[in-house]
Amino acid sequence: IGLEVGADDYLVKPFSMRELQARVAALFRRPRSSDA
């Protein structure tokens, strides 16, 4: 349901800060401009 309504990722508690950091970094490695 979370993914269906538009979430890009789903992280289950409890989680490590390193895992959250890795997932955020992965999202922002996606191309965001037309040139990329």
All heavy atoms as atom14 arrays in JSON, in Angstrom:
{
  "sequence": "IGLEVGADDYLVKPFSMRELQARVAALFRRPRSSDA",
  "atom14_mask": [
    [1, 1, 1, 1, 1, 1, 1, 1, 0, 0, 0, 0, 0, 0],
    [1, 1, 1, 1, 0, 0, 0, 0, 0, 0, 0, 0, 0, 0],
    [1, 1, 1, 1, 1, 1, 1, 1, 0, 0, 0, 0, 0, 0],
    [1, 1, 1, 1, 1, 1, 1, 1, 1, 0, 0, 0, 0, 0],
    [1, 1, 1, 1, 1, 1, 1, 0, 0, 0, 0, 0, 0, 0],
    [1, 1, 1, 1, 0, 0, 0, 0, 0, 0, 0, 0, 0, 0],
    [1, 1, 1, 1, 1, 0, 0, 0, 0, 0, 0, 0, 0, 0],
    [1, 1, 1, 1, 1, 1, 1, 1, 0, 0, 0, 0, 0, 0],
    [1, 1, 1, 1, 1, 1, 1, 1, 0, 0, 0, 0, 0, 0],
    [1, 1, 1, 1, 1, 1, 1, 1, 1, 1, 1, 1, 0, 0],
    [1, 1, 1, 1, 1, 1, 1, 1, 0, 0, 0, 0, 0, 0],
    [1, 1, 1, 1, 1, 1, 1, 0, 0, 0, 0, 0, 0, 0],
    [1, 1, 1, 1, 1, 1, 1, 1, 1, 0, 0, 0, 0, 0],
    [1, 1, 1, 1, 1, 1, 1, 0, 0, 0, 0, 0, 0, 0],
    [1, 1, 1, 1, 1, 1, 1, 1, 1, 1, 1, 0, 0, 0],
    [1, 1, 1, 1, 1, 1, 0, 0, 0, 0, 0, 0, 0, 0],
    [1, 1, 1, 1, 1, 1, 1, 1, 0, 0, 0, 0, 0, 0],
    [1, 1, 1, 1, 1, 1, 1, 1, 1, 1, 1, 0, 0, 0],
    [1, 1, 1, 1, 1, 1, 1, 1, 1, 0, 0, 0, 0, 0],
    [1, 1, 1, 1, 1, 1, 1, 1, 0, 0, 0, 0, 0, 0],
    [1, 1, 1, 1, 1, 1, 1, 1, 1, 0, 0, 0, 0, 0],
    [1, 1, 1, 1, 1, 0, 0, 0, 0, 0, 0, 0, 0, 0],
    [1, 1, 1, 1, 1, 1, 1, 1, 1, 1, 1, 0, 0, 0],
    [1, 1, 1, 1, 1, 1, 1, 0, 0, 0, 0, 0, 0, 0],
    [1, 1, 1, 1, 1, 0, 0, 0, 0, 0, 0, 0, 0, 0],
    [1, 1, 1, 1, 1, 0, 0, 0, 0, 0, 0, 0, 0, 0],
    [1, 1, 1, 1, 1, 1, 1, 1, 0, 0, 0, 0, 0, 0],
    [1, 1, 1, 1, 1, 1, 1, 1, 1, 1, 1, 0, 0, 0],
    [1, 1, 1, 1, 1, 1, 1, 1, 1, 1, 1, 0, 0, 0],
    [1, 1, 1, 1, 1, 1, 1, 1, 1, 1, 1, 0, 0, 0],
    [1, 1, 1, 1, 1, 1, 1, 0, 0, 0, 0, 0, 0, 0],
    [1, 1, 1, 1, 1, 1, 1, 1, 1, 1, 1, 0, 0, 0],
    [1, 1, 1, 1, 1, 1, 0, 0, 0, 0, 0, 0, 0, 0],
    [1, 1, 1, 1, 1, 1, 0, 0, 0, 0, 0, 0, 0, 0],
    [1, 1, 1, 1, 1, 1, 1, 1, 0, 0, 0, 0, 0, 0],
    [1, 1, 1, 1, 1, 0, 0, 0, 0, 0, 0, 0, 0, 0]
  ],
  "atom14_positions": [
    [[0.84, -1.2, 0.0], [0.0, 0.0, 0.0], [0.87, 1.25, 0.0], [0.61, 2.21, -0.73], [-0.95, 0.0, 1.21], [-2.02, -1.1, 1.05], [-1.63, 1.37, 1.37], [-2.89, -1.29, 2.27], [0.0, 0.0, 0.0], [0.0, 0.0, 0.0], [0.0, 0.0, 0.0], [0.0, 0.0, 0.0], [0.0, 0.0, 0.0], [0.0, 0.0, 0.0]],
    [[1.92, 1.25, 0.81], [2.82, 2.4, 0.86], [3.43, 2.7, -0.5], [3.48, 3.86, -0.93], [0.0, 0.0, 0.0], [0.0, 0.0, 0.0], [0.0, 0.0, 0.0], [0.0, 0.0, 0.0], [0.0, 0.0, 0.0], [0.0, 0.0, 0.0], [0.0, 0.0, 0.0], [0.0, 0.0, 0.0], [0.0, 0.0, 0.0], [0.0, 0.0, 0.0]],
    [[3.89, 1.68, -1.19], [4.47, 1.87, -2.51], [3.41, 2.27, -3.53], [3.66, 3.08, -4.42], [5.18, 0.59, -2.96], [6.4, 0.19, -2.13], [6.88, -1.2, -2.52], [7.53, 1.21, -2.29], [0.0, 0.0, 0.0], [0.0, 0.0, 0.0], [0.0, 0.0, 0.0], [0.0, 0.0, 0.0], [0.0, 0.0, 0.0], [0.0, 0.0, 0.0]],
    [[2.21, 1.71, -3.38], [1.15, 2.01, -4.34], [0.72, 3.46, -4.29], [0.38, 4.06, -5.32], [-0.07, 1.1, -4.09], [-1.18, 1.31, -5.1], [-2.32, 0.32, -4.92], [-2.16, -0.63, -4.15], [-3.36, 0.52, -5.57], [0.0, 0.0, 0.0], [0.0, 0.0, 0.0], [0.0, 0.0, 0.0], [0.0, 0.0, 0.0], [0.0, 0.0, 0.0]],
    [[0.72, 4.07, -3.11], [0.27, 5.46, -3.0], [1.4, 6.45, -3.28], [1.19, 7.66, -3.21], [-0.36, 5.77, -1.63], [-1.6, 4.93, -1.42], [0.64, 5.57, -0.5], [0.0, 0.0, 0.0], [0.0, 0.0, 0.0], [0.0, 0.0, 0.0], [0.0, 0.0, 0.0], [0.0, 0.0, 0.0], [0.0, 0.0, 0.0], [0.0, 0.0, 0.0]],
    [[2.6, 5.95, -3.61], [3.61, 6.86, -4.1], [4.93, 6.89, -3.37], [5.82, 7.67, -3.74], [0.0, 0.0, 0.0], [0.0, 0.0, 0.0], [0.0, 0.0, 0.0], [0.0, 0.0, 0.0], [0.0, 0.0, 0.0], [0.0, 0.0, 0.0], [0.0, 0.0, 0.0], [0.0, 0.0, 0.0], [0.0, 0.0, 0.0], [0.0, 0.0, 0.0]],
    [[5.13, 6.07, -2.34], [6.43, 6.05, -1.67], [7.49, 5.46, -2.59], [7.21, 4.58, -3.4], [6.35, 5.24, -0.38], [0.0, 0.0, 0.0], [0.0, 0.0, 0.0], [0.0, 0.0, 0.0], [0.0, 0.0, 0.0], [0.0, 0.0, 0.0], [0.0, 0.0, 0.0], [0.0, 0.0, 0.0], [0.0, 0.0, 0.0], [0.0, 0.0, 0.0]],
    [[8.71, 5.96, -2.46], [9.82, 5.45, -3.27], [10.53, 4.28, -2.59], [11.15, 3.47, -3.26], [10.83, 6.57, -3.52], [10.25, 7.69, -4.36], [10.02, 7.45, -5.56], [9.99, 8.78, -3.82], [0.0, 0.0, 0.0], [0.0, 0.0, 0.0], [0.0, 0.0, 0.0], [0.0, 0.0, 0.0], [0.0, 0.0, 0.0], [0.0, 0.0, 0.0]],
    [[10.44, 4.21, -1.27], [11.11, 3.14, -0.54], [10.37, 2.93, 0.78], [9.58, 3.79, 1.21], [12.58, 3.5, -0.29], [13.45, 2.27, -0.07], [12.9, 1.17, 0.11], [14.69, 2.42, -0.09], [0.0, 0.0, 0.0], [0.0, 0.0, 0.0], [0.0, 0.0, 0.0], [0.0, 0.0, 0.0], [0.0, 0.0, 0.0], [0.0, 0.0, 0.0]],
    [[10.63, 1.79, 1.42], [9.93, 1.42, 2.66], [10.96, 0.8, 3.59], [11.57, -0.21, 3.26], [8.81, 0.43, 2.35], [7.81, 0.22, 3.47], [6.51, 0.72, 3.36], [8.13, -0.5, 4.61], [5.57, 0.52, 4.35], [7.2, -0.71, 5.62], [5.92, -0.2, 5.48], [4.97, -0.39, 6.47], [0.0, 0.0, 0.0], [0.0, 0.0, 0.0]],
    [[11.14, 1.42, 4.74], [12.13, 0.96, 5.71], [11.41, 0.59, 7.0], [10.61, 1.37, 7.53], [13.13, 2.08, 5.97], [14.39, 1.78, 6.77], [15.19, 0.66, 6.11], [15.25, 3.03, 6.88], [0.0, 0.0, 0.0], [0.0, 0.0, 0.0], [0.0, 0.0, 0.0], [0.0, 0.0, 0.0], [0.0, 0.0, 0.0], [0.0, 0.0, 0.0]],
    [[11.68, -0.63, 7.5], [10.98, -1.14, 8.67], [11.76, -0.83, 9.95], [12.97, -1.05, 10.02], [10.75, -2.66, 8.54], [10.13, -3.22, 9.81], [9.86, -2.97, 7.34], [0.0, 0.0, 0.0], [0.0, 0.0, 0.0], [0.0, 0.0, 0.0], [0.0, 0.0, 0.0], [0.0, 0.0, 0.0], [0.0, 0.0, 0.0], [0.0, 0.0, 0.0]],
    [[11.05, -0.31, 10.95], [11.65, -0.11, 12.27], [11.75, -1.44, 13.01], [10.87, -2.29, 12.87], [10.78, 0.84, 13.1], [10.66, 2.25, 12.56], [9.72, 3.04, 13.46], [9.54, 4.47, 12.98], [8.59, 5.22, 13.85], [0.0, 0.0, 0.0], [0.0, 0.0, 0.0], [0.0, 0.0, 0.0], [0.0, 0.0, 0.0], [0.0, 0.0, 0.0]],
    [[12.77, -1.65, 13.84], [13.93, -0.79, 14.01], [14.89, -0.94, 12.83], [14.95, -2.0, 12.2], [14.56, -1.3, 15.31], [14.18, -2.75, 15.34], [12.82, -2.84, 14.72], [0.0, 0.0, 0.0], [0.0, 0.0, 0.0], [0.0, 0.0, 0.0], [0.0, 0.0, 0.0], [0.0, 0.0, 0.0], [0.0, 0.0, 0.0], [0.0, 0.0, 0.0]],
    [[15.62, 0.11, 12.54], [16.56, 0.1, 11.42], [17.83, 0.81, 11.87], [17.84, 1.55, 12.85], [15.96, 0.8, 10.2], [15.57, 2.23, 10.49], [16.46, 3.27, 10.26], [14.32, 2.54, 11.0], [16.11, 4.58, 10.54], [13.95, 3.84, 11.27], [14.86, 4.87, 11.05], [0.0, 0.0, 0.0], [0.0, 0.0, 0.0], [0.0, 0.0, 0.0]],
    [[18.89, 0.59, 11.12], [20.14, 1.26, 11.44], [20.22, 2.58, 10.67], [19.69, 2.69, 9.56], [21.34, 0.38, 11.09], [21.51, 0.3, 9.68], [0.0, 0.0, 0.0], [0.0, 0.0, 0.0], [0.0, 0.0, 0.0], [0.0, 0.0, 0.0], [0.0, 0.0, 0.0], [0.0, 0.0, 0.0], [0.0, 0.0, 0.0], [0.0, 0.0, 0.0]],
    [[20.88, 3.56, 11.26], [21.06, 4.83, 10.58], [21.9, 4.67, 9.32], [21.7, 5.37, 8.32], [21.72, 5.84, 11.52], [20.81, 6.34, 12.63], [19.39, 7.29, 11.98], [18.05, 6.23, 12.54], [0.0, 0.0, 0.0], [0.0, 0.0, 0.0], [0.0, 0.0, 0.0], [0.0, 0.0, 0.0], [0.0, 0.0, 0.0], [0.0, 0.0, 0.0]],
    [[22.8, 3.7, 9.33], [23.61, 3.45, 8.13], [22.74, 2.96, 6.98], [22.98, 3.31, 5.83], [24.71, 2.43, 8.44], [25.79, 2.96, 9.38], [26.88, 1.93, 9.61], [27.58, 1.6, 8.38], [28.53, 0.67, 8.3], [28.88, -0.03, 9.38], [29.13, 0.43, 7.15], [0.0, 0.0, 0.0], [0.0, 0.0, 0.0], [0.0, 0.0, 0.0]],
    [[21.74, 2.13, 7.3], [20.85, 1.66, 6.23], [20.03, 2.82, 5.67], [19.87, 2.94, 4.45], [19.91, 0.57, 6.74], [18.98, 0.03, 5.66], [18.06, -1.08, 6.13], [18.04, -1.36, 7.35], [17.37, -1.66, 5.28], [0.0, 0.0, 0.0], [0.0, 0.0, 0.0], [0.0, 0.0, 0.0], [0.0, 0.0, 0.0], [0.0, 0.0, 0.0]],
    [[19.5, 3.68, 6.54], [18.76, 4.83, 6.06], [19.66, 5.73, 5.21], [19.25, 6.21, 4.15], [18.2, 5.62, 7.23], [17.47, 6.93, 6.88], [16.29, 6.67, 5.95], [17.01, 7.64, 8.15], [0.0, 0.0, 0.0], [0.0, 0.0, 0.0], [0.0, 0.0, 0.0], [0.0, 0.0, 0.0], [0.0, 0.0, 0.0], [0.0, 0.0, 0.0]],
    [[20.87, 5.95, 5.67], [21.81, 6.76, 4.92], [22.06, 6.18, 3.53], [22.08, 6.91, 2.52], [23.14, 6.87, 5.68], [24.18, 7.75, 5.01], [25.47, 7.81, 5.82], [25.83, 6.85, 6.51], [26.16, 8.92, 5.76], [0.0, 0.0, 0.0], [0.0, 0.0, 0.0], [0.0, 0.0, 0.0], [0.0, 0.0, 0.0], [0.0, 0.0, 0.0]],
    [[22.2, 4.85, 3.44], [22.45, 4.19, 2.15], [21.25, 4.33, 1.23], [21.39, 4.55, 0.02], [22.79, 2.73, 2.38], [0.0, 0.0, 0.0], [0.0, 0.0, 0.0], [0.0, 0.0, 0.0], [0.0, 0.0, 0.0], [0.0, 0.0, 0.0], [0.0, 0.0, 0.0], [0.0, 0.0, 0.0], [0.0, 0.0, 0.0], [0.0, 0.0, 0.0]],
    [[20.06, 4.22, 1.8], [18.86, 4.3, 0.96], [18.63, 5.72, 0.45], [18.21, 5.92, -0.69], [17.65, 3.79, 1.74], [17.75, 2.31, 2.07], [16.42, 1.73, 2.47], [16.55, 0.34, 2.86], [15.59, -0.55, 2.71], [14.44, -0.21, 2.16], [15.76, -1.79, 3.1], [0.0, 0.0, 0.0], [0.0, 0.0, 0.0], [0.0, 0.0, 0.0]],
    [[18.89, 6.7, 1.3], [18.78, 8.09, 0.85], [19.79, 8.36, -0.26], [19.46, 8.96, -1.29], [19.0, 9.06, 2.03], [19.12, 10.5, 1.53], [17.85, 8.95, 3.02], [0.0, 0.0, 0.0], [0.0, 0.0, 0.0], [0.0, 0.0, 0.0], [0.0, 0.0, 0.0], [0.0, 0.0, 0.0], [0.0, 0.0, 0.0], [0.0, 0.0, 0.0]],
    [[21.02, 7.91, -0.07], [22.05, 8.1, -1.08], [21.66, 7.45, -2.4], [21.88, 8.02, -3.48], [23.39, 7.56, -0.58], [0.0, 0.0, 0.0], [0.0, 0.0, 0.0], [0.0, 0.0, 0.0], [0.0, 0.0, 0.0], [0.0, 0.0, 0.0], [0.0, 0.0, 0.0], [0.0, 0.0, 0.0], [0.0, 0.0, 0.0], [0.0, 0.0, 0.0]],
    [[21.07, 6.24, -2.33], [20.65, 5.55, -3.54], [19.58, 6.33, -4.29], [19.61, 6.44, -5.52], [20.15, 4.15, -3.19], [0.0, 0.0, 0.0], [0.0, 0.0, 0.0], [0.0, 0.0, 0.0], [0.0, 0.0, 0.0], [0.0, 0.0, 0.0], [0.0, 0.0, 0.0], [0.0, 0.0, 0.0], [0.0, 0.0, 0.0], [0.0, 0.0, 0.0]],
    [[18.62, 6.9, -3.55], [17.57, 7.69, -4.2], [18.15, 8.89, -4.93], [17.77, 9.19, -6.07], [16.55, 8.16, -3.16], [15.59, 7.11, -2.6], [14.71, 7.73, -1.52], [14.73, 6.5, -3.7], [0.0, 0.0, 0.0], [0.0, 0.0, 0.0], [0.0, 0.0, 0.0], [0.0, 0.0, 0.0], [0.0, 0.0, 0.0], [0.0, 0.0, 0.0]],
    [[19.11, 9.57, -4.3], [19.64, 10.79, -4.89], [20.69, 10.52, -5.96], [21.16, 11.47, -6.6], [20.18, 11.72, -3.8], [19.11, 12.5, -3.12], [18.45, 11.99, -2.01], [18.7, 13.73, -3.62], [17.44, 12.69, -1.38], [17.68, 14.44, -3.0], [17.04, 13.92, -1.89], [0.0, 0.0, 0.0], [0.0, 0.0, 0.0], [0.0, 0.0, 0.0]],
    [[21.03, 9.25, -6.17], [21.89, 8.93, -7.31], [21.08, 8.79, -8.59], [21.65, 8.65, -9.67], [22.67, 7.63, -7.04], [23.86, 7.83, -6.12], [24.84, 6.67, -6.23], [24.23, 5.4, -5.83], [24.27, 4.93, -4.59], [24.85, 5.62, -3.63], [23.73, 3.75, -4.3], [0.0, 0.0, 0.0], [0.0, 0.0, 0.0], [0.0, 0.0, 0.0]],
    [[19.76, 8.81, -8.49], [18.95, 8.75, -9.7], [19.1, 10.04, -10.49], [19.24, 11.11, -9.92], [17.47, 8.58, -9.35], [17.13, 7.33, -8.61], [15.62, 7.22, -8.53], [15.2, 6.29, -7.51], [13.94, 6.06, -7.2], [12.99, 6.71, -7.82], [13.62, 5.19, -6.27], [0.0, 0.0, 0.0], [0.0, 0.0, 0.0], [0.0, 0.0, 0.0]],
    [[19.03, 9.95, -11.83], [19.09, 11.18, -12.62], [17.88, 12.05, -12.34], [16.75, 11.58, -12.31], [19.09, 10.68, -14.07], [18.48, 9.32, -14.0], [18.89, 8.76, -12.67], [0.0, 0.0, 0.0], [0.0, 0.0, 0.0], [0.0, 0.0, 0.0], [0.0, 0.0, 0.0], [0.0, 0.0, 0.0], [0.0, 0.0, 0.0], [0.0, 0.0, 0.0]],
    [[18.12, 13.36, -12.13], [17.02, 14.27, -11.82], [16.85, 15.35, -12.88], [15.93, 16.14, -12.81], [17.27, 14.94, -10.47], [17.43, 13.95, -9.35], [17.4, 14.63, -8.01], [16.08, 15.16, -7.73], [15.8, 15.87, -6.63], [16.75, 16.15, -5.78], [14.59, 16.3, -6.42], [0.0, 0.0, 0.0], [0.0, 0.0, 0.0], [0.0, 0.0, 0.0]],
    [[17.75, 15.44, -13.84], [17.64, 16.45, -14.89], [17.58, 15.78, -16.24], [17.94, 14.63, -16.41], [18.84, 17.4, -14.85], [20.02, 16.72, -15.24], [0.0, 0.0, 0.0], [0.0, 0.0, 0.0], [0.0, 0.0, 0.0], [0.0, 0.0, 0.0], [0.0, 0.0, 0.0], [0.0, 0.0, 0.0], [0.0, 0.0, 0.0], [0.0, 0.0, 0.0]],
    [[17.14, 16.53, -17.24], [17.04, 15.97, -18.59], [18.42, 15.61, -19.13], [18.58, 14.62, -19.84], [16.36, 16.98, -19.52], [17.07, 18.2, -19.53], [0.0, 0.0, 0.0], [0.0, 0.0, 0.0], [0.0, 0.0, 0.0], [0.0, 0.0, 0.0], [0.0, 0.0, 0.0], [0.0, 0.0, 0.0], [0.0, 0.0, 0.0], [0.0, 0.0, 0.0]],
    [[19.45, 16.4, -18.78], [20.78, 16.08, -19.28], [21.28, 14.77, -18.72], [21.84, 13.94, -19.43], [21.77, 17.19, -18.89], [21.51, 18.47, -19.66], [20.82, 18.39, -20.69], [21.97, 19.53, -19.21], [0.0, 0.0, 0.0], [0.0, 0.0, 0.0], [0.0, 0.0, 0.0], [0.0, 0.0, 0.0], [0.0, 0.0, 0.0], [0.0, 0.0, 0.0]],
    [[21.06, 14.57, -17.4], [21.48, 13.31, -16.79], [20.72, 12.16, -17.38], [21.26, 11.1, -17.65], [21.28, 13.36, -15.28], [0.0, 0.0, 0.0], [0.0, 0.0, 0.0], [0.0, 0.0, 0.0], [0.0, 0.0, 0.0], [0.0, 0.0, 0.0], [0.0, 0.0, 0.0], [0.0, 0.0, 0.0], [0.0, 0.0, 0.0], [0.0, 0.0, 0.0]]
  ]
}
